[in-house]
Amino acid sequence: MKNMARNISLLANAFLLILMATGALWALKVLHRQDPTEAERLLKEKTYFKDYLNSSVQAATKLGLKFPVIETTDLQGRPLSTDFSQTPKGGIVVVLSELACQPCLKPQMQILQHIYERLADPAEMPIYCIARMSERKFADYVRTFQIAFPVASDTTGYFNETPFGEPTPAVFVVDEHNTVVNVHIPVQEKPHLSVVFYNELKPWLNLAEPLAFSFKGVKYYDVITNKADLSSVEHLLY
């Protein structure tokens, strides 16, 4: 009888140990799922970034479009062409109008001017600004924002309406095939959108000098969910 009781006790203890081991394995599996590897995390953040940025109907409808090729002159009389087929990577074009969100426009111009000044060769990936307004009015903007990169007034009518004329300001990243591969429509209340966009843009740039604002260590997921500390770049953005 005693042997039977002892055997039952041993079986019960063994069963309990099996349950505990199973529970521990299940907990480890859950923990692994909640704390993925760095590669998994980066993949998740990258996917989340693309879904988040392209969830804007206004921006998403412009992706994949052929950017208009125009031949004109900038305000200084220099030739300006939006045919990027002769460039290694394409170019960046800011489109604006008199109705453009002014608080949104200023930081974009400041950042792009900052980038332009640090490019190793601006011809490799030109930065242009095209405005739907008179040259006289546009000249005031150039002086106010201290823009050095080429700017021109639109005389073609391509930018009078959508998909490229509204809303403004809009920043188009155009590849060497003249295809729109990224679009940024800044929102005054959401400066983190600009942080994500320019962080994504940095690998495209061949810089002679590092940018004054650095997003090293800032994760897409943290920016998108407003968990990142953006105080170090806040002065440049808004």
C-alpha atoms as a PDB file:
ATOM      1  CA  MET A   1       0.000   0.000   0.000  1.00  0.00           C
ATOM      2  CA  LYS A   2       2.817   2.341   0.906  1.00  0.00           C
ATOM      3  CA  ASN A   3       4.581   1.536  -2.353  1.00  0.00           C
ATOM      4  CA  MET A   4       1.435   2.324  -4.300  1.00  0.00           C
ATOM      5  CA  ALA A   5       1.041   5.670  -2.530  1.00  0.00           C
ATOM      6  CA  ARG A   6       4.664   6.511  -3.163  1.00  0.00           C
ATOM      7  CA  ASN A   7       4.319   5.622  -6.855  1.00  0.00           C
ATOM      8  CA  ILE A   8       1.231   7.795  -7.137  1.00  0.00           C
ATOM      9  CA  SER A   9       3.126  10.651  -5.469  1.00  0.00           C
ATOM     10  CA  LEU A  10       6.048  10.215  -7.870  1.00  0.00           C
ATOM     11  CA  LEU A  11       3.695  10.182 -10.856  1.00  0.00           C
ATOM     12  CA  ALA A  12       1.968  13.305  -9.609  1.00  0.00           C
ATOM     13  CA  ASN A  13       5.288  15.099  -9.113  1.00  0.00           C
ATOM     14  CA  ALA A  14       6.458  14.029 -12.576  1.00  0.00           C
ATOM     15  CA  PHE A  15       3.192  15.255 -14.111  1.00  0.00           C
ATOM     16  CA  LEU A  16       3.597  18.550 -12.256  1.00  0.00           C
ATOM     17  CA  LEU A  17       7.149  18.930 -13.549  1.00  0.00           C
ATOM     18  CA  ILE A  18       5.952  18.249 -17.117  1.00  0.00           C
ATOM     19  CA  LEU A  19       3.276  20.928 -16.714  1.00  0.00           C
ATOM     20  CA  MET A  20       5.826  23.399 -15.378  1.00  0.00           C
ATOM     21  CA  ALA A  21       8.247  22.672 -18.217  1.00  0.00           C
ATOM     22  CA  THR A  22       5.462  23.035 -20.793  1.00  0.00           C
ATOM     23  CA  GLY A  23       4.418  26.331 -19.217  1.00  0.00           C
ATOM     24  CA  ALA A  24       8.000  27.600 -19.272  1.00  0.00           C
ATOM     25  CA  LEU A  25       8.396  26.691 -22.951  1.00  0.00           C
ATOM     26  CA  TRP A  26       5.108  28.404 -23.793  1.00  0.00           C
ATOM     27  CA  ALA A  27       6.179  31.530 -21.869  1.00  0.00           C
ATOM     28  CA  LEU A  28       9.492  31.617 -23.732  1.00  0.00           C
ATOM     29  CA  LYS A  29       7.641  31.320 -27.029  1.00  0.00           C
ATOM     30  CA  VAL A  30       5.337  34.200 -26.111  1.00  0.00           C
ATOM     31  CA  LEU A  31       8.309  36.289 -24.950  1.00  0.00           C
ATOM     32  CA  HIS A  32      10.129  35.625 -28.209  1.00  0.00           C
ATOM     33  CA  ARG A  33       7.040  36.649 -30.145  1.00  0.00           C
ATOM     34  CA  GLN A  34       6.789  39.888 -28.181  1.00  0.00           C
ATOM     35  CA  ASP A  35      10.497  40.627 -28.375  1.00  0.00           C
ATOM     36  CA  PRO A  36      11.533  39.779 -31.963  1.00  0.00           C
ATOM     37  CA  THR A  37      15.061  39.792 -33.258  1.00  0.00           C
ATOM     38  CA  GLU A  38      16.541  43.045 -34.531  1.00  0.00           C
ATOM     39  CA  ALA A  39      16.025  41.928 -38.131  1.00  0.00           C
ATOM     40  CA  GLU A  40      12.356  41.187 -37.465  1.00  0.00           C
ATOM     41  CA  ARG A  41      11.931  44.499 -35.673  1.00  0.00           C
ATOM     42  CA  LEU A  42      13.512  46.469 -38.535  1.00  0.00           C
ATOM     43  CA  LEU A  43      11.349  44.651 -41.049  1.00  0.00           C
ATOM     44  CA  LYS A  44       8.257  45.439 -38.996  1.00  0.00           C
ATOM     45  CA  GLU A  45       9.230  49.102 -38.640  1.00  0.00           C
ATOM     46  CA  LYS A  46      10.009  49.433 -42.347  1.00  0.00           C
ATOM     47  CA  THR A  47       6.708  47.865 -43.329  1.00  0.00           C
ATOM     48  CA  TYR A  48       4.861  49.960 -40.757  1.00  0.00           C
ATOM     49  CA  PHE A  49       6.598  53.072 -42.112  1.00  0.00           C
ATOM     50  CA  LYS A  50       5.550  52.375 -45.696  1.00  0.00           C
ATOM     51  CA  ASP A  51       1.972  51.568 -44.719  1.00  0.00           C
ATOM     52  CA  TYR A  52       1.832  54.648 -42.522  1.00  0.00           C
ATOM     53  CA  LEU A  53       3.336  57.075 -45.019  1.00  0.00           C
ATOM     54  CA  ASN A  54       1.328  55.747 -47.933  1.00  0.00           C
ATOM     55  CA  SER A  55      -1.905  55.645 -45.950  1.00  0.00           C
ATOM     56  CA  SER A  56      -2.301  59.296 -46.892  1.00  0.00           C
ATOM     57  CA  VAL A  57      -4.639  59.109 -49.873  1.00  0.00           C
ATOM     58  CA  GLN A  58      -3.215  62.339 -51.234  1.00  0.00           C
ATOM     59  CA  ALA A  59       0.341  61.003 -51.212  1.00  0.00           C
ATOM     60  CA  ALA A  60      -0.448  57.430 -52.235  1.00  0.00           C
ATOM     61  CA  THR A  61      -2.310  58.476 -55.386  1.00  0.00           C
ATOM     62  CA  LYS A  62       0.853  60.173 -56.690  1.00  0.00           C
ATOM     63  CA  LEU A  63       3.241  57.243 -56.209  1.00  0.00           C
ATOM     64  CA  GLY A  64       4.222  55.539 -59.452  1.00  0.00           C
ATOM     65  CA  LEU A  65       3.147  58.445 -61.658  1.00  0.00           C
ATOM     66  CA  LYS A  66       5.437  59.903 -64.308  1.00  0.00           C
ATOM     67  CA  PHE A  67       6.593  63.319 -63.183  1.00  0.00           C
ATOM     68  CA  PRO A  68       6.017  66.019 -65.840  1.00  0.00           C
ATOM     69  CA  VAL A  69       9.088  66.842 -67.920  1.00  0.00           C
ATOM     70  CA  ILE A  70       9.378  70.586 -68.325  1.00  0.00           C
ATOM     71  CA  GLU A  71      12.150  72.695 -69.794  1.00  0.00           C
ATOM     72  CA  THR A  72      12.294  76.207 -68.371  1.00  0.00           C
ATOM     73  CA  THR A  73      14.644  78.673 -66.696  1.00  0.00           C
ATOM     74  CA  ASP A  74      14.976  79.462 -63.026  1.00  0.00           C
ATOM     75  CA  LEU A  75      14.657  82.917 -61.523  1.00  0.00           C
ATOM     76  CA  GLN A  76      18.319  83.582 -62.306  1.00  0.00           C
ATOM     77  CA  GLY A  77      17.916  82.663 -65.968  1.00  0.00           C
ATOM     78  CA  ARG A  78      19.655  79.277 -65.700  1.00  0.00           C
ATOM     79  CA  PRO A  79      18.207  76.247 -67.580  1.00  0.00           C
ATOM     80  CA  LEU A  80      16.008  74.014 -65.416  1.00  0.00           C
ATOM     81  CA  SER A  81      14.802  70.619 -66.600  1.00  0.00           C
ATOM     82  CA  THR A  82      12.741  68.032 -64.765  1.00  0.00           C
ATOM     83  CA  ASP A  83      13.962  65.299 -67.108  1.00  0.00           C
ATOM     84  CA  PHE A  84      15.947  63.239 -64.595  1.00  0.00           C
ATOM     85  CA  SER A  85      16.905  60.471 -67.034  1.00  0.00           C
ATOM     86  CA  GLN A  86      20.462  61.804 -67.231  1.00  0.00           C
ATOM     87  CA  THR A  87      20.984  61.748 -63.455  1.00  0.00           C
ATOM     88  CA  PRO A  88      22.297  58.752 -61.462  1.00  0.00           C
ATOM     89  CA  LYS A  89      19.442  58.716 -58.938  1.00  0.00           C
ATOM     90  CA  GLY A  90      16.802  61.212 -60.044  1.00  0.00           C
ATOM     91  CA  GLY A  91      15.874  64.399 -58.254  1.00  0.00           C
ATOM     92  CA  ILE A  92      13.730  66.156 -55.668  1.00  0.00           C
ATOM     93  CA  VAL A  93      11.067  68.681 -56.624  1.00  0.00           C
ATOM     94  CA  VAL A  94       9.123  70.879 -54.223  1.00  0.00           C
ATOM     95  CA  VAL A  95       5.835  72.159 -55.632  1.00  0.00           C
ATOM     96  CA  LEU A  96       4.089  75.068 -53.955  1.00  0.00           C
ATOM     97  CA  SER A  97       1.431  77.679 -54.553  1.00  0.00           C
ATOM     98  CA  GLU A  98       0.237  80.903 -52.967  1.00  0.00           C
ATOM     99  CA  LEU A  99      -2.285  78.828 -51.017  1.00  0.00           C
ATOM    100  CA  ALA A 100       0.416  76.539 -49.618  1.00  0.00           C
ATOM    101  CA  CYS A 101       0.441  75.958 -45.872  1.00  0.00           C
ATOM    102  CA  GLN A 102       3.025  78.533 -44.794  1.00  0.00           C
ATOM    103  CA  PRO A 103       3.968  76.942 -41.427  1.00  0.00           C
ATOM    104  CA  CYS A 104       4.414  73.651 -43.336  1.00  0.00           C
ATOM    105  CA  LEU A 105       6.476  75.227 -46.114  1.00  0.00           C
ATOM    106  CA  LYS A 106       9.154  77.020 -44.099  1.00  0.00           C
ATOM    107  CA  PRO A 107      10.745  73.973 -42.407  1.00  0.00           C
ATOM    108  CA  GLN A 108      10.736  71.992 -45.668  1.00  0.00           C
ATOM    109  CA  MET A 109      12.639  74.799 -47.398  1.00  0.00           C
ATOM    110  CA  GLN A 110      15.074  75.046 -44.480  1.00  0.00           C
ATOM    111  CA  ILE A 111      15.772  71.309 -44.492  1.00  0.00           C
ATOM    112  CA  LEU A 112      16.147  71.072 -48.279  1.00  0.00           C
ATOM    113  CA  GLN A 113      18.456  74.095 -48.341  1.00  0.00           C
ATOM    114  CA  HIS A 114      20.492  72.465 -45.564  1.00  0.00           C
ATOM    115  CA  ILE A 115      20.721  69.260 -47.632  1.00  0.00           C
ATOM    116  CA  TYR A 116      21.539  71.158 -50.829  1.00  0.00           C
ATOM    117  CA  GLU A 117      24.468  72.938 -49.197  1.00  0.00           C
ATOM    118  CA  ARG A 118      25.973  69.599 -48.178  1.00  0.00           C
ATOM    119  CA  LEU A 119      25.584  67.602 -51.386  1.00  0.00           C
ATOM    120  CA  ALA A 120      28.872  66.418 -52.878  1.00  0.00           C
ATOM    121  CA  ASP A 121      27.537  67.153 -56.375  1.00  0.00           C
ATOM    122  CA  PRO A 122      24.086  68.797 -56.676  1.00  0.00           C
ATOM    123  CA  ALA A 123      23.893  67.680 -60.317  1.00  0.00           C
ATOM    124  CA  GLU A 124      23.796  64.020 -59.199  1.00  0.00           C
ATOM    125  CA  MET A 125      20.424  64.489 -57.525  1.00  0.00           C
ATOM    126  CA  PRO A 126      19.109  67.990 -58.257  1.00  0.00           C
ATOM    127  CA  ILE A 127      16.783  69.788 -55.872  1.00  0.00           C
ATOM    128  CA  TYR A 128      14.299  72.109 -57.551  1.00  0.00           C
ATOM    129  CA  CYS A 129      11.342  74.181 -56.436  1.00  0.00           C
ATOM    130  CA  ILE A 130       8.490  74.959 -58.823  1.00  0.00           C
ATOM    131  CA  ALA A 131       5.858  77.482 -57.789  1.00  0.00           C
ATOM    132  CA  ARG A 132       2.408  78.194 -59.127  1.00  0.00           C
ATOM    133  CA  MET A 133       2.722  81.954 -58.742  1.00  0.00           C
ATOM    134  CA  SER A 134       4.239  84.998 -60.430  1.00  0.00           C
ATOM    135  CA  GLU A 135       8.022  85.380 -60.534  1.00  0.00           C
ATOM    136  CA  ARG A 136       7.774  88.584 -58.499  1.00  0.00           C
ATOM    137  CA  LYS A 137       5.815  86.869 -55.750  1.00  0.00           C
ATOM    138  CA  PHE A 138       8.099  83.856 -55.869  1.00  0.00           C
ATOM    139  CA  ALA A 139      11.180  86.065 -55.542  1.00  0.00           C
ATOM    140  CA  ASP A 140       9.822  87.190 -52.158  1.00  0.00           C
ATOM    141  CA  TYR A 141       9.666  83.553 -51.040  1.00  0.00           C
ATOM    142  CA  VAL A 142      13.237  82.957 -52.197  1.00  0.00           C
ATOM    143  CA  ARG A 143      14.490  85.937 -50.181  1.00  0.00           C
ATOM    144  CA  THR A 144      12.443  85.006 -47.126  1.00  0.00           C
ATOM    145  CA  PHE A 145      13.577  81.371 -47.062  1.00  0.00           C
ATOM    146  CA  GLN A 146      17.106  82.135 -48.375  1.00  0.00           C
ATOM    147  CA  ILE A 147      16.891  79.445 -51.040  1.00  0.00           C
ATOM    148  CA  ALA A 148      20.005  78.762 -53.108  1.00  0.00           C
ATOM    149  CA  PHE A 149      18.812  75.716 -55.049  1.00  0.00           C
ATOM    150  CA  PRO A 150      17.172  76.381 -58.473  1.00  0.00           C
ATOM    151  CA  VAL A 151      13.599  77.686 -58.352  1.00  0.00           C
ATOM    152  CA  ALA A 152      11.168  78.489 -61.164  1.00  0.00           C
ATOM    153  CA  SER A 153       7.624  79.704 -61.676  1.00  0.00           C
ATOM    154  CA  ASP A 154       5.349  77.269 -63.468  1.00  0.00           C
ATOM    155  CA  THR A 155       4.385  78.580 -66.903  1.00  0.00           C
ATOM    156  CA  THR A 156       3.286  75.223 -68.327  1.00  0.00           C
ATOM    157  CA  GLY A 157       0.050  74.645 -66.432  1.00  0.00           C
ATOM    158  CA  TYR A 158       1.160  71.148 -65.370  1.00  0.00           C
ATOM    159  CA  PHE A 159       0.939  72.201 -61.728  1.00  0.00           C
ATOM    160  CA  ASN A 160      -2.406  74.014 -61.803  1.00  0.00           C
ATOM    161  CA  GLU A 161      -4.319  71.009 -60.523  1.00  0.00           C
ATOM    162  CA  THR A 162      -3.937  67.472 -59.239  1.00  0.00           C
ATOM    163  CA  PRO A 163      -2.101  65.159 -59.235  1.00  0.00           C
ATOM    164  CA  PHE A 164       0.921  67.473 -58.968  1.00  0.00           C
ATOM    165  CA  GLY A 165      -0.636  70.847 -58.163  1.00  0.00           C
ATOM    166  CA  GLU A 166      -2.648  70.094 -55.053  1.00  0.00           C
ATOM    167  CA  PRO A 167      -2.192  69.988 -52.149  1.00  0.00           C
ATOM    168  CA  THR A 168       0.868  72.134 -51.629  1.00  0.00           C
ATOM    169  CA  PRO A 169       3.528  72.177 -50.483  1.00  0.00           C
ATOM    170  CA  ALA A 170       4.442  68.726 -51.709  1.00  0.00           C
ATOM    171  CA  VAL A 171       7.920  67.207 -51.960  1.00  0.00           C
ATOM    172  CA  PHE A 172       8.332  64.686 -54.789  1.00  0.00           C
ATOM    173  CA  VAL A 173      11.227  62.230 -54.983  1.00  0.00           C
ATOM    174  CA  VAL A 174      11.594  61.271 -58.654  1.00  0.00           C
ATOM    175  CA  ASP A 175      13.878  58.475 -59.854  1.00  0.00           C
ATOM    176  CA  GLU A 176      16.069  58.376 -62.971  1.00  0.00           C
ATOM    177  CA  HIS A 177      13.098  57.027 -64.959  1.00  0.00           C
ATOM    178  CA  ASN A 178      11.048  60.097 -63.994  1.00  0.00           C
ATOM    179  CA  THR A 179       8.789  57.981 -61.814  1.00  0.00           C
ATOM    180  CA  VAL A 180       7.533  59.356 -58.507  1.00  0.00           C
ATOM    181  CA  VAL A 181       8.927  56.994 -55.864  1.00  0.00           C
ATOM    182  CA  ASN A 182       8.145  58.976 -52.716  1.00  0.00           C
ATOM    183  CA  VAL A 183       5.935  61.906 -51.784  1.00  0.00           C
ATOM    184  CA  HIS A 184       5.868  64.047 -48.682  1.00  0.00           C
ATOM    185  CA  ILE A 185       2.896  66.290 -47.936  1.00  0.00           C
ATOM    186  CA  PRO A 186       3.831  68.007 -44.663  1.00  0.00           C
ATOM    187  CA  VAL A 187       1.215  68.507 -41.981  1.00  0.00           C
ATOM    188  CA  GLN A 188       1.712  71.315 -39.470  1.00  0.00           C
ATOM    189  CA  GLU A 189       0.405  69.294 -36.523  1.00  0.00           C
ATOM    190  CA  LYS A 190       2.494  66.217 -37.376  1.00  0.00           C
ATOM    191  CA  PRO A 191       6.195  67.119 -37.572  1.00  0.00           C
ATOM    192  CA  HIS A 192       7.116  63.482 -37.009  1.00  0.00           C
ATOM    193  CA  LEU A 193       6.012  62.825 -40.609  1.00  0.00           C
ATOM    194  CA  SER A 194       8.857  65.043 -41.780  1.00  0.00           C
ATOM    195  CA  VAL A 195      11.299  63.222 -39.502  1.00  0.00           C
ATOM    196  CA  VAL A 196      10.337  59.878 -41.009  1.00  0.00           C
ATOM    197  CA  PHE A 197      10.433  61.207 -44.585  1.00  0.00           C
ATOM    198  CA  TYR A 198      13.878  62.804 -44.386  1.00  0.00           C
ATOM    199  CA  ASN A 199      15.261  59.804 -42.527  1.00  0.00           C
ATOM    200  CA  GLU A 200      14.073  57.664 -45.424  1.00  0.00           C
ATOM    201  CA  LEU A 201      15.586  60.108 -47.916  1.00  0.00           C
ATOM    202  CA  LYS A 202      19.101  60.122 -46.411  1.00  0.00           C
ATOM    203  CA  PRO A 203      20.378  56.927 -48.159  1.00  0.00           C
ATOM    204  CA  TRP A 204      19.699  58.617 -51.510  1.00  0.00           C
ATOM    205  CA  LEU A 205      22.008  61.521 -50.759  1.00  0.00           C
ATOM    206  CA  ASN A 206      25.707  61.713 -51.593  1.00  0.00           C
ATOM    207  CA  LEU A 207      26.853  64.163 -48.931  1.00  0.00           C
ATOM    208  CA  ALA A 208      30.149  66.016 -48.736  1.00  0.00           C
ATOM    209  CA  GLU A 209      29.337  67.007 -45.155  1.00  0.00           C
ATOM    210  CA  PRO A 210      27.106  65.323 -42.584  1.00  0.00           C
ATOM    211  CA  LEU A 211      23.724  66.857 -41.937  1.00  0.00           C
ATOM    212  CA  ALA A 212      23.355  68.905 -38.775  1.00  0.00           C
ATOM    213  CA  PHE A 213      20.312  66.899 -37.776  1.00  0.00           C
ATOM    214  CA  SER A 214      20.854  63.242 -37.051  1.00  0.00           C
ATOM    215  CA  PHE A 215      18.224  60.541 -36.709  1.00  0.00           C
ATOM    216  CA  LYS A 216      20.689  57.820 -35.693  1.00  0.00           C
ATOM    217  CA  GLY A 217      19.044  55.477 -33.255  1.00  0.00           C
ATOM    218  CA  VAL A 218      15.559  56.854 -33.919  1.00  0.00           C
ATOM    219  CA  LYS A 219      13.278  53.964 -34.809  1.00  0.00           C
ATOM    220  CA  TYR A 220      10.452  54.314 -37.319  1.00  0.00           C
ATOM    221  CA  TYR A 221       8.015  52.621 -34.959  1.00  0.00           C
ATOM    222  CA  ASP A 222       8.873  55.023 -32.125  1.00  0.00           C
ATOM    223  CA  VAL A 223       8.531  58.061 -34.396  1.00  0.00           C
ATOM    224  CA  ILE A 224       5.232  56.924 -35.858  1.00  0.00           C
ATOM    225  CA  THR A 225       3.778  56.129 -32.457  1.00  0.00           C
ATOM    226  CA  ASN A 226       5.074  59.422 -31.024  1.00  0.00           C
ATOM    227  CA  LYS A 227       7.374  57.658 -28.560  1.00  0.00           C
ATOM    228  CA  ALA A 228      10.636  59.043 -29.947  1.00  0.00           C
ATOM    229  CA  ASP A 229      12.342  62.062 -28.425  1.00  0.00           C
ATOM    230  CA  LEU A 230      12.457  64.546 -31.296  1.00  0.00           C
ATOM    231  CA  SER A 231      13.713  67.479 -29.232  1.00  0.00           C
ATOM    232  CA  SER A 232      17.105  67.430 -30.983  1.00  0.00           C
ATOM    233  CA  VAL A 233      15.521  68.027 -34.408  1.00  0.00           C
ATOM    234  CA  GLU A 234      12.490  69.982 -33.302  1.00  0.00           C
ATOM    235  CA  HIS A 235      14.167  73.360 -33.897  1.00  0.00           C
ATOM    236  CA  LEU A 236      14.820  72.452 -37.515  1.00  0.00           C
ATOM    237  CA  LEU A 237      11.395  71.053 -38.244  1.00  0.00           C
ATOM    238  CA  TYR A 238       8.966  73.309 -36.393  1.00  0.00           C
END
